[in-house]
Amino acid sequence: MGIKKYFSISNISLMGAAVVGSYVLISTYIVKRSLPAGACPLESYDKWIYLAMALAIISVVTDGLGRKSRA
């Protein structure tokens, strides 16, 4: 794989992580805002949070591989 492909994968996965993470934060804020004080929301965003973390890790790993092959 070429260096450009690693950077492309890195950039795309980082943008995906940012989009998914923003979705989770905004959704959680909207749900908590509409509930009374002390109430616990029933929706779970664990899968979305894990997806955002996985995309961020993929971004870091592919960026590191691209930098290593350049040296």
C-alpha atoms as a PDB file:
ATOM      1  CA  MET A   1       0.000   0.000   0.000  1.00  0.00           C
ATOM      2  CA  GLY A   2       1.229   3.458  -0.801  1.00  0.00           C
ATOM      3  CA  ILE A   3       1.731   6.238   1.671  1.00  0.00           C
ATOM      4  CA  LYS A   4      -1.171   8.199   0.202  1.00  0.00           C
ATOM      5  CA  LYS A   5      -3.544   5.296   0.845  1.00  0.00           C
ATOM      6  CA  TYR A   6      -2.543   5.193   4.529  1.00  0.00           C
ATOM      7  CA  PHE A   7      -3.122   8.893   4.881  1.00  0.00           C
ATOM      8  CA  SER A   8      -6.415   8.599   3.078  1.00  0.00           C
ATOM      9  CA  ILE A   9      -7.572   5.814   5.410  1.00  0.00           C
ATOM     10  CA  SER A  10      -6.263   7.778   8.374  1.00  0.00           C
ATOM     11  CA  ASN A  11      -8.088  10.953   7.410  1.00  0.00           C
ATOM     12  CA  ILE A  12     -11.338   9.196   6.551  1.00  0.00           C
ATOM     13  CA  SER A  13     -11.400   7.207   9.794  1.00  0.00           C
ATOM     14  CA  LEU A  14     -10.594  10.329  11.824  1.00  0.00           C
ATOM     15  CA  MET A  15     -13.455  12.210  10.176  1.00  0.00           C
ATOM     16  CA  GLY A  16     -15.746   9.237  10.792  1.00  0.00           C
ATOM     17  CA  ALA A  17     -14.751   9.159  14.461  1.00  0.00           C
ATOM     18  CA  ALA A  18     -15.464  12.880  14.749  1.00  0.00           C
ATOM     19  CA  VAL A  19     -18.881  12.537  13.112  1.00  0.00           C
ATOM     20  CA  VAL A  20     -19.936   9.534  15.208  1.00  0.00           C
ATOM     21  CA  GLY A  21     -18.614  11.122  18.409  1.00  0.00           C
ATOM     22  CA  SER A  22     -20.435  14.360  17.666  1.00  0.00           C
ATOM     23  CA  TYR A  23     -23.646  12.440  17.002  1.00  0.00           C
ATOM     24  CA  VAL A  24     -23.372  10.680  20.372  1.00  0.00           C
ATOM     25  CA  LEU A  25     -22.667  13.912  22.254  1.00  0.00           C
ATOM     26  CA  ILE A  26     -25.492  15.832  20.600  1.00  0.00           C
ATOM     27  CA  SER A  27     -27.988  12.985  21.005  1.00  0.00           C
ATOM     28  CA  THR A  28     -27.099  12.532  24.661  1.00  0.00           C
ATOM     29  CA  TYR A  29     -27.419  16.265  25.298  1.00  0.00           C
ATOM     30  CA  ILE A  30     -30.828  16.439  23.628  1.00  0.00           C
ATOM     31  CA  VAL A  31     -32.147  13.402  25.526  1.00  0.00           C
ATOM     32  CA  LYS A  32     -30.844  14.597  28.905  1.00  0.00           C
ATOM     33  CA  ARG A  33     -32.171  18.106  28.330  1.00  0.00           C
ATOM     34  CA  SER A  34     -35.695  16.813  27.856  1.00  0.00           C
ATOM     35  CA  LEU A  35     -35.718  14.700  31.056  1.00  0.00           C
ATOM     36  CA  PRO A  36     -36.576  15.935  34.544  1.00  0.00           C
ATOM     37  CA  ALA A  37     -33.782  16.355  37.085  1.00  0.00           C
ATOM     38  CA  GLY A  38     -32.414  13.092  38.473  1.00  0.00           C
ATOM     39  CA  ALA A  39     -33.919  10.908  35.734  1.00  0.00           C
ATOM     40  CA  CYS A  40     -31.791   8.380  33.895  1.00  0.00           C
ATOM     41  CA  PRO A  41     -32.087   8.097  30.116  1.00  0.00           C
ATOM     42  CA  LEU A  42     -32.958   4.607  28.890  1.00  0.00           C
ATOM     43  CA  GLU A  43     -31.106   4.879  25.577  1.00  0.00           C
ATOM     44  CA  SER A  44     -27.639   3.409  25.414  1.00  0.00           C
ATOM     45  CA  TYR A  45     -25.039   4.693  22.993  1.00  0.00           C
ATOM     46  CA  ASP A  46     -22.367   2.130  23.859  1.00  0.00           C
ATOM     47  CA  LYS A  47     -22.133   0.711  20.335  1.00  0.00           C
ATOM     48  CA  TRP A  48     -21.746   4.167  18.840  1.00  0.00           C
ATOM     49  CA  ILE A  49     -19.067   5.098  21.378  1.00  0.00           C
ATOM     50  CA  TYR A  50     -17.165   1.875  20.637  1.00  0.00           C
ATOM     51  CA  LEU A  51     -17.412   2.608  16.916  1.00  0.00           C
ATOM     52  CA  ALA A  52     -16.000   6.111  17.412  1.00  0.00           C
ATOM     53  CA  MET A  53     -13.124   4.745  19.516  1.00  0.00           C
ATOM     54  CA  ALA A  54     -12.364   2.034  16.943  1.00  0.00           C
ATOM     55  CA  LEU A  55     -12.283   4.583  14.132  1.00  0.00           C
ATOM     56  CA  ALA A  56      -9.990   6.839  16.153  1.00  0.00           C
ATOM     57  CA  ILE A  57      -7.624   3.922  16.861  1.00  0.00           C
ATOM     58  CA  ILE A  58      -7.603   2.966  13.175  1.00  0.00           C
ATOM     59  CA  SER A  59      -6.735   6.556  12.342  1.00  0.00           C
ATOM     60  CA  VAL A  60      -3.797   6.614  14.763  1.00  0.00           C
ATOM     61  CA  VAL A  61      -2.459   3.229  13.622  1.00  0.00           C
ATOM     62  CA  THR A  62      -2.653   4.007   9.905  1.00  0.00           C
ATOM     63  CA  ASP A  63      -1.081   7.411  10.481  1.00  0.00           C
ATOM     64  CA  GLY A  64       1.753   5.752  12.400  1.00  0.00           C
ATOM     65  CA  LEU A  65       2.281   3.193   9.622  1.00  0.00           C
ATOM     66  CA  GLY A  66       2.428   5.955   7.036  1.00  0.00           C
ATOM     67  CA  ARG A  67       5.022   7.889   9.008  1.00  0.00           C
ATOM     68  CA  LYS A  68       7.114   4.789   9.675  1.00  0.00           C
ATOM     69  CA  SER A  69       7.398   3.866   6.006  1.00  0.00           C
ATOM     70  CA  ARG A  70       8.378   7.439   5.097  1.00  0.00           C
ATOM     71  CA  ALA A  71      11.510   7.406   7.312  1.00  0.00           C
END
